[in-house]
Amino acid sequence: MTDKTLFDYLRELVSQGIDPKDRETEIWAAYGQEVAIFVLDSVGFSRTTESSGIVHFLSKMMQMRERVMPVFDAFKPIHLRLAADNIFAAFRSADDAISAAVQVQAALKSSGIMLNQDEPFQACIGIGFGKLLFSQTLEGYFGDEMNLASKLGEDVAKGGEILITTRAWSCAQNQDASRVRQRQLEIAGMSISYFALDVP
């Protein structure tokens, strides 16, 4: 089964009249990976494209990628995907994802890349940790911690922030607890706790 991608296997089950839900344990055993997920979203994509054009923003995004890629080279994520102004990465540990996030933010802060005359290029980062389904396709990972990390990184975080799910923070072993502040997020009537990391 593992020689097929997740979606190929799901398609095969459905074509045979089998509800994939009935094979969930088998699917998780074959395609599940426990990883720390890292989601980076740049600030001001739509606004800057509207005011200065797509070529201007793409040139800034290219500079951002050049500045932060050495961080990923150093931490060696098991999966890395660039998609428009986002970067998605999977690391073996929450500590690696958090430490990489700190270094990425530091690299951007010192880069001197400017979106315009007054606004520096900034990024928001969300981090989760848990067992996720790996699709072996461009989509990458699926699961609760992927959803939360994406929500934190793309919708909740402000420029320069690193937001970490409760599970990811609880699995980090080498981080300074005095550097985080607990926050609450309301989603669909649910209250979800997460942590904001103080970035130097």
C-alpha atoms as a PDB file:
ATOM      1  CA  MET A   1       0.000   0.000   0.000  1.00  0.00           C
ATOM      2  CA  THR A   2       2.790   2.470   0.756  1.00  0.00           C
ATOM      3  CA  ASP A   3       3.934   2.392  -2.886  1.00  0.00           C
ATOM      4  CA  LYS A   4       0.719   4.339  -3.598  1.00  0.00           C
ATOM      5  CA  THR A   5       0.132   7.925  -2.572  1.00  0.00           C
ATOM      6  CA  LEU A   6      -2.521   8.576   0.045  1.00  0.00           C
ATOM      7  CA  PHE A   7      -4.973   9.908  -2.519  1.00  0.00           C
ATOM      8  CA  ASP A   8      -4.302   7.042  -4.928  1.00  0.00           C
ATOM      9  CA  TYR A   9      -5.134   4.610  -2.142  1.00  0.00           C
ATOM     10  CA  LEU A  10      -8.279   6.519  -1.160  1.00  0.00           C
ATOM     11  CA  ARG A  11      -9.344   6.567  -4.807  1.00  0.00           C
ATOM     12  CA  GLU A  12      -8.759   2.828  -5.048  1.00  0.00           C
ATOM     13  CA  LEU A  13     -10.885   2.123  -1.984  1.00  0.00           C
ATOM     14  CA  VAL A  14     -13.746   4.288  -3.215  1.00  0.00           C
ATOM     15  CA  SER A  15     -13.645   2.648  -6.664  1.00  0.00           C
ATOM     16  CA  GLN A  16     -14.017  -0.718  -4.935  1.00  0.00           C
ATOM     17  CA  GLY A  17     -17.044   0.501  -2.993  1.00  0.00           C
ATOM     18  CA  ILE A  18     -15.122   0.575   0.308  1.00  0.00           C
ATOM     19  CA  ASP A  19     -15.646   3.467   2.705  1.00  0.00           C
ATOM     20  CA  PRO A  20     -12.124   4.735   3.587  1.00  0.00           C
ATOM     21  CA  LYS A  21     -13.421   5.405   7.092  1.00  0.00           C
ATOM     22  CA  ASP A  22     -13.577   1.625   7.556  1.00  0.00           C
ATOM     23  CA  ARG A  23      -9.823   1.468   6.826  1.00  0.00           C
ATOM     24  CA  GLU A  24      -8.844   4.450   8.962  1.00  0.00           C
ATOM     25  CA  THR A  25      -6.527   2.515  11.297  1.00  0.00           C
ATOM     26  CA  GLU A  26      -4.770   0.990   8.307  1.00  0.00           C
ATOM     27  CA  ILE A  27      -4.487   4.369   6.573  1.00  0.00           C
ATOM     28  CA  TRP A  28      -2.962   6.052   9.637  1.00  0.00           C
ATOM     29  CA  ALA A  29      -0.488   3.191  10.040  1.00  0.00           C
ATOM     30  CA  ALA A  30       0.660   3.509   6.435  1.00  0.00           C
ATOM     31  CA  TYR A  31       0.567   7.259   5.908  1.00  0.00           C
ATOM     32  CA  GLY A  32       0.757   8.797   9.374  1.00  0.00           C
ATOM     33  CA  GLN A  33       3.886  10.685  10.432  1.00  0.00           C
ATOM     34  CA  GLU A  34       4.549  12.397  13.750  1.00  0.00           C
ATOM     35  CA  VAL A  35       6.081  15.712  12.792  1.00  0.00           C
ATOM     36  CA  ALA A  36       6.363  19.334  13.810  1.00  0.00           C
ATOM     37  CA  ILE A  37       4.689  21.450  11.162  1.00  0.00           C
ATOM     38  CA  PHE A  38       5.925  24.961  10.315  1.00  0.00           C
ATOM     39  CA  VAL A  39       3.739  27.393   8.366  1.00  0.00           C
ATOM     40  CA  LEU A  40       5.091  30.768   7.228  1.00  0.00           C
ATOM     41  CA  ASP A  41       2.924  33.429   5.607  1.00  0.00           C
ATOM     42  CA  SER A  42       4.340  36.732   4.461  1.00  0.00           C
ATOM     43  CA  VAL A  43       2.655  40.006   5.388  1.00  0.00           C
ATOM     44  CA  GLY A  44       1.159  42.394   2.854  1.00  0.00           C
ATOM     45  CA  PHE A  45       0.962  40.198  -0.254  1.00  0.00           C
ATOM     46  CA  SER A  46      -2.413  41.426  -1.542  1.00  0.00           C
ATOM     47  CA  ARG A  47      -1.944  44.999  -0.354  1.00  0.00           C
ATOM     48  CA  THR A  48       1.542  45.374  -1.855  1.00  0.00           C
ATOM     49  CA  THR A  49       0.562  43.709  -5.114  1.00  0.00           C
ATOM     50  CA  GLU A  50      -2.364  46.128  -5.421  1.00  0.00           C
ATOM     51  CA  SER A  51      -0.244  49.199  -4.739  1.00  0.00           C
ATOM     52  CA  SER A  52       3.067  48.294  -6.392  1.00  0.00           C
ATOM     53  CA  GLY A  53       2.371  45.373  -8.708  1.00  0.00           C
ATOM     54  CA  ILE A  54       3.083  41.655  -8.647  1.00  0.00           C
ATOM     55  CA  VAL A  55       6.631  41.957 -10.014  1.00  0.00           C
ATOM     56  CA  HIS A  56       7.596  44.228  -7.135  1.00  0.00           C
ATOM     57  CA  PHE A  57       6.238  41.807  -4.545  1.00  0.00           C
ATOM     58  CA  LEU A  58       7.779  38.766  -6.239  1.00  0.00           C
ATOM     59  CA  SER A  59      11.186  40.421  -6.158  1.00  0.00           C
ATOM     60  CA  LYS A  60      10.791  40.976  -2.402  1.00  0.00           C
ATOM     61  CA  MET A  61       9.563  37.407  -1.917  1.00  0.00           C
ATOM     62  CA  MET A  62      12.587  36.102  -3.811  1.00  0.00           C
ATOM     63  CA  GLN A  63      14.876  38.080  -1.498  1.00  0.00           C
ATOM     64  CA  MET A  64      13.027  36.674   1.518  1.00  0.00           C
ATOM     65  CA  ARG A  65      13.500  33.120   0.286  1.00  0.00           C
ATOM     66  CA  GLU A  66      17.194  33.669  -0.324  1.00  0.00           C
ATOM     67  CA  ARG A  67      17.584  35.059   3.166  1.00  0.00           C
ATOM     68  CA  VAL A  68      15.757  32.266   5.025  1.00  0.00           C
ATOM     69  CA  MET A  69      16.703  29.171   3.019  1.00  0.00           C
ATOM     70  CA  PRO A  70      20.057  28.786   4.842  1.00  0.00           C
ATOM     71  CA  VAL A  71      18.043  28.330   8.051  1.00  0.00           C
ATOM     72  CA  PHE A  72      16.148  25.415   6.520  1.00  0.00           C
ATOM     73  CA  ASP A  73      19.387  23.995   5.139  1.00  0.00           C
ATOM     74  CA  ALA A  74      20.791  24.029   8.661  1.00  0.00           C
ATOM     75  CA  PHE A  75      17.778  22.410  10.361  1.00  0.00           C
ATOM     76  CA  LYS A  76      17.138  19.881   7.563  1.00  0.00           C
ATOM     77  CA  PRO A  77      13.342  19.552   7.520  1.00  0.00           C
ATOM     78  CA  ILE A  78      12.023  16.217   6.310  1.00  0.00           C
ATOM     79  CA  HIS A  79       9.665  18.023   3.950  1.00  0.00           C
ATOM     80  CA  LEU A  80       9.787  21.556   2.548  1.00  0.00           C
ATOM     81  CA  ARG A  81       7.350  23.238   0.192  1.00  0.00           C
ATOM     82  CA  LEU A  82       7.261  26.782  -1.178  1.00  0.00           C
ATOM     83  CA  ALA A  83       3.840  27.971  -2.320  1.00  0.00           C
ATOM     84  CA  ALA A  84       3.399  31.592  -3.408  1.00  0.00           C
ATOM     85  CA  ASP A  85       4.251  33.717  -0.358  1.00  0.00           C
ATOM     86  CA  ASN A  86       4.053  30.729   2.025  1.00  0.00           C
ATOM     87  CA  ILE A  87       6.634  28.249   3.244  1.00  0.00           C
ATOM     88  CA  PHE A  88       5.545  24.897   4.668  1.00  0.00           C
ATOM     89  CA  ALA A  89       8.033  22.625   6.413  1.00  0.00           C
ATOM     90  CA  ALA A  90       7.937  19.479   8.541  1.00  0.00           C
ATOM     91  CA  PHE A  91      10.566  18.823  11.194  1.00  0.00           C
ATOM     92  CA  ARG A  92      11.279  15.789  13.339  1.00  0.00           C
ATOM     93  CA  SER A  93      10.857  17.701  16.604  1.00  0.00           C
ATOM     94  CA  ALA A  94       8.976  20.683  17.973  1.00  0.00           C
ATOM     95  CA  ASP A  95      12.294  22.105  19.178  1.00  0.00           C
ATOM     96  CA  ASP A  96      13.694  22.097  15.644  1.00  0.00           C
ATOM     97  CA  ALA A  97      10.605  23.846  14.271  1.00  0.00           C
ATOM     98  CA  ILE A  98      10.609  26.482  17.014  1.00  0.00           C
ATOM     99  CA  SER A  99      14.348  27.129  16.780  1.00  0.00           C
ATOM    100  CA  ALA A 100      14.131  27.387  12.992  1.00  0.00           C
ATOM    101  CA  ALA A 101      11.252  29.854  13.344  1.00  0.00           C
ATOM    102  CA  VAL A 102      13.275  32.048  15.697  1.00  0.00           C
ATOM    103  CA  GLN A 103      16.194  32.085  13.263  1.00  0.00           C
ATOM    104  CA  VAL A 104      13.924  32.800  10.284  1.00  0.00           C
ATOM    105  CA  GLN A 105      12.412  35.797  12.067  1.00  0.00           C
ATOM    106  CA  ALA A 106      15.872  37.019  13.077  1.00  0.00           C
ATOM    107  CA  ALA A 107      17.105  36.665   9.487  1.00  0.00           C
ATOM    108  CA  LEU A 108      14.173  38.668   8.158  1.00  0.00           C
ATOM    109  CA  LYS A 109      14.505  41.349  10.819  1.00  0.00           C
ATOM    110  CA  SER A 110      18.149  41.927   9.927  1.00  0.00           C
ATOM    111  CA  SER A 111      17.677  41.555   6.175  1.00  0.00           C
ATOM    112  CA  GLY A 112      16.800  45.135   5.335  1.00  0.00           C
ATOM    113  CA  ILE A 113      14.190  43.933   2.813  1.00  0.00           C
ATOM    114  CA  MET A 114      11.499  46.605   2.483  1.00  0.00           C
ATOM    115  CA  LEU A 115       8.019  46.210   1.000  1.00  0.00           C
ATOM    116  CA  ASN A 116       7.935  49.952   0.511  1.00  0.00           C
ATOM    117  CA  GLN A 117       9.776  52.993   1.802  1.00  0.00           C
ATOM    118  CA  ASP A 118       8.324  52.648   5.299  1.00  0.00           C
ATOM    119  CA  GLU A 119       7.429  48.960   5.781  1.00  0.00           C
ATOM    120  CA  PRO A 120       9.906  46.126   6.265  1.00  0.00           C
ATOM    121  CA  PHE A 121       9.170  42.697   4.840  1.00  0.00           C
ATOM    122  CA  GLN A 122       7.674  40.598   7.650  1.00  0.00           C
ATOM    123  CA  ALA A 123       6.359  37.070   8.077  1.00  0.00           C
ATOM    124  CA  CYS A 124       3.986  35.285  10.431  1.00  0.00           C
ATOM    125  CA  ILE A 125       4.745  31.736  11.595  1.00  0.00           C
ATOM    126  CA  GLY A 126       2.524  29.031  13.061  1.00  0.00           C
ATOM    127  CA  ILE A 127       3.864  25.777  14.522  1.00  0.00           C
ATOM    128  CA  GLY A 128       2.068  22.538  15.391  1.00  0.00           C
ATOM    129  CA  PHE A 129       3.115  19.032  16.352  1.00  0.00           C
ATOM    130  CA  GLY A 130       1.378  15.693  16.079  1.00  0.00           C
ATOM    131  CA  LYS A 131       0.578  12.706  13.913  1.00  0.00           C
ATOM    132  CA  LEU A 132      -0.480  13.866  10.469  1.00  0.00           C
ATOM    133  CA  LEU A 133      -1.359  12.128   7.251  1.00  0.00           C
ATOM    134  CA  PHE A 134       1.269  12.680   4.559  1.00  0.00           C
ATOM    135  CA  SER A 135      -0.198  12.771   1.073  1.00  0.00           C
ATOM    136  CA  GLN A 136       3.088  12.359  -0.890  1.00  0.00           C
ATOM    137  CA  THR A 137       1.711  14.991  -3.267  1.00  0.00           C
ATOM    138  CA  LEU A 138       1.994  18.760  -3.413  1.00  0.00           C
ATOM    139  CA  GLU A 139      -0.617  19.128  -0.665  1.00  0.00           C
ATOM    140  CA  GLY A 140       1.738  17.676   1.951  1.00  0.00           C
ATOM    141  CA  TYR A 141       0.236  17.066   5.400  1.00  0.00           C
ATOM    142  CA  PHE A 142      -3.312  16.789   6.731  1.00  0.00           C
ATOM    143  CA  GLY A 143      -4.622  16.713  10.293  1.00  0.00           C
ATOM    144  CA  ASP A 144      -5.672  18.779  13.279  1.00  0.00           C
ATOM    145  CA  GLU A 145      -2.218  20.198  14.055  1.00  0.00           C
ATOM    146  CA  MET A 146      -1.725  21.129  10.401  1.00  0.00           C
ATOM    147  CA  ASN A 147      -5.030  22.995  10.479  1.00  0.00           C
ATOM    148  CA  LEU A 148      -4.155  24.790  13.715  1.00  0.00           C
ATOM    149  CA  ALA A 149      -0.640  25.725  12.604  1.00  0.00           C
ATOM    150  CA  SER A 150      -2.047  27.112   9.350  1.00  0.00           C
ATOM    151  CA  LYS A 151      -4.712  29.074  11.200  1.00  0.00           C
ATOM    152  CA  LEU A 152      -2.147  30.535  13.584  1.00  0.00           C
ATOM    153  CA  GLY A 153       0.425  31.337  10.903  1.00  0.00           C
ATOM    154  CA  GLU A 154      -1.860  32.603   8.170  1.00  0.00           C
ATOM    155  CA  ASP A 155      -4.800  34.205   9.994  1.00  0.00           C
ATOM    156  CA  VAL A 156      -3.926  34.958  13.618  1.00  0.00           C
ATOM    157  CA  ALA A 157      -0.251  35.915  13.839  1.00  0.00           C
ATOM    158  CA  LYS A 158       0.951  39.434  13.165  1.00  0.00           C
ATOM    159  CA  GLY A 159       4.143  40.314  11.351  1.00  0.00           C
ATOM    160  CA  GLY A 160       7.197  39.002  13.205  1.00  0.00           C
ATOM    161  CA  GLU A 161       5.201  36.685  15.479  1.00  0.00           C
ATOM    162  CA  ILE A 162       5.663  32.973  16.146  1.00  0.00           C
ATOM    163  CA  LEU A 163       2.520  31.230  17.416  1.00  0.00           C
ATOM    164  CA  ILE A 164       2.688  27.665  18.716  1.00  0.00           C
ATOM    165  CA  THR A 165      -0.078  25.154  19.372  1.00  0.00           C
ATOM    166  CA  THR A 166      -0.460  23.832  22.904  1.00  0.00           C
ATOM    167  CA  ARG A 167       0.579  20.363  21.784  1.00  0.00           C
ATOM    168  CA  ALA A 168       3.697  21.630  20.016  1.00  0.00           C
ATOM    169  CA  TRP A 169       4.766  23.634  23.055  1.00  0.00           C
ATOM    170  CA  SER A 170       4.158  20.680  25.388  1.00  0.00           C
ATOM    171  CA  CYS A 171       6.422  18.522  23.202  1.00  0.00           C
ATOM    172  CA  ALA A 172       9.276  21.052  23.113  1.00  0.00           C
ATOM    173  CA  GLN A 173      12.043  20.084  25.518  1.00  0.00           C
ATOM    174  CA  ASN A 174      14.689  22.759  25.089  1.00  0.00           C
ATOM    175  CA  GLN A 175      12.777  26.037  25.113  1.00  0.00           C
ATOM    176  CA  ASP A 176      12.640  28.825  27.686  1.00  0.00           C
ATOM    177  CA  ALA A 177       9.153  28.868  29.223  1.00  0.00           C
ATOM    178  CA  SER A 178       9.612  32.507  30.279  1.00  0.00           C
ATOM    179  CA  ARG A 179       9.580  33.497  26.604  1.00  0.00           C
ATOM    180  CA  VAL A 180       5.996  32.424  25.878  1.00  0.00           C
ATOM    181  CA  ARG A 181       2.610  33.909  26.686  1.00  0.00           C
ATOM    182  CA  GLN A 182      -0.568  31.855  26.574  1.00  0.00           C
ATOM    183  CA  ARG A 183      -3.449  33.155  24.471  1.00  0.00           C
ATOM    184  CA  GLN A 184      -6.954  32.012  23.566  1.00  0.00           C
ATOM    185  CA  LEU A 185      -8.545  31.742  20.140  1.00  0.00           C
ATOM    186  CA  GLU A 186     -12.247  31.380  19.381  1.00  0.00           C
ATOM    187  CA  ILE A 187     -13.013  29.147  16.383  1.00  0.00           C
ATOM    188  CA  ALA A 188     -16.528  27.986  15.508  1.00  0.00           C
ATOM    189  CA  GLY A 189     -17.669  28.402  19.087  1.00  0.00           C
ATOM    190  CA  MET A 190     -14.624  26.600  20.516  1.00  0.00           C
ATOM    191  CA  SER A 191     -11.951  28.197  22.689  1.00  0.00           C
ATOM    192  CA  ILE A 192      -8.446  27.022  21.745  1.00  0.00           C
ATOM    193  CA  SER A 193      -5.288  27.786  23.719  1.00  0.00           C
ATOM    194  CA  TYR A 194      -1.969  28.499  22.028  1.00  0.00           C
ATOM    195  CA  PHE A 195       1.323  30.189  22.861  1.00  0.00           C
ATOM    196  CA  ALA A 196       3.009  33.316  21.496  1.00  0.00           C
ATOM    197  CA  LEU A 197       6.794  33.203  21.588  1.00  0.00           C
ATOM    198  CA  ASP A 198       8.681  36.382  22.394  1.00  0.00           C
ATOM    199  CA  VAL A 199      11.074  36.959  19.496  1.00  0.00           C
ATOM    200  CA  PRO A 200      14.290  38.853  20.285  1.00  0.00           C
END
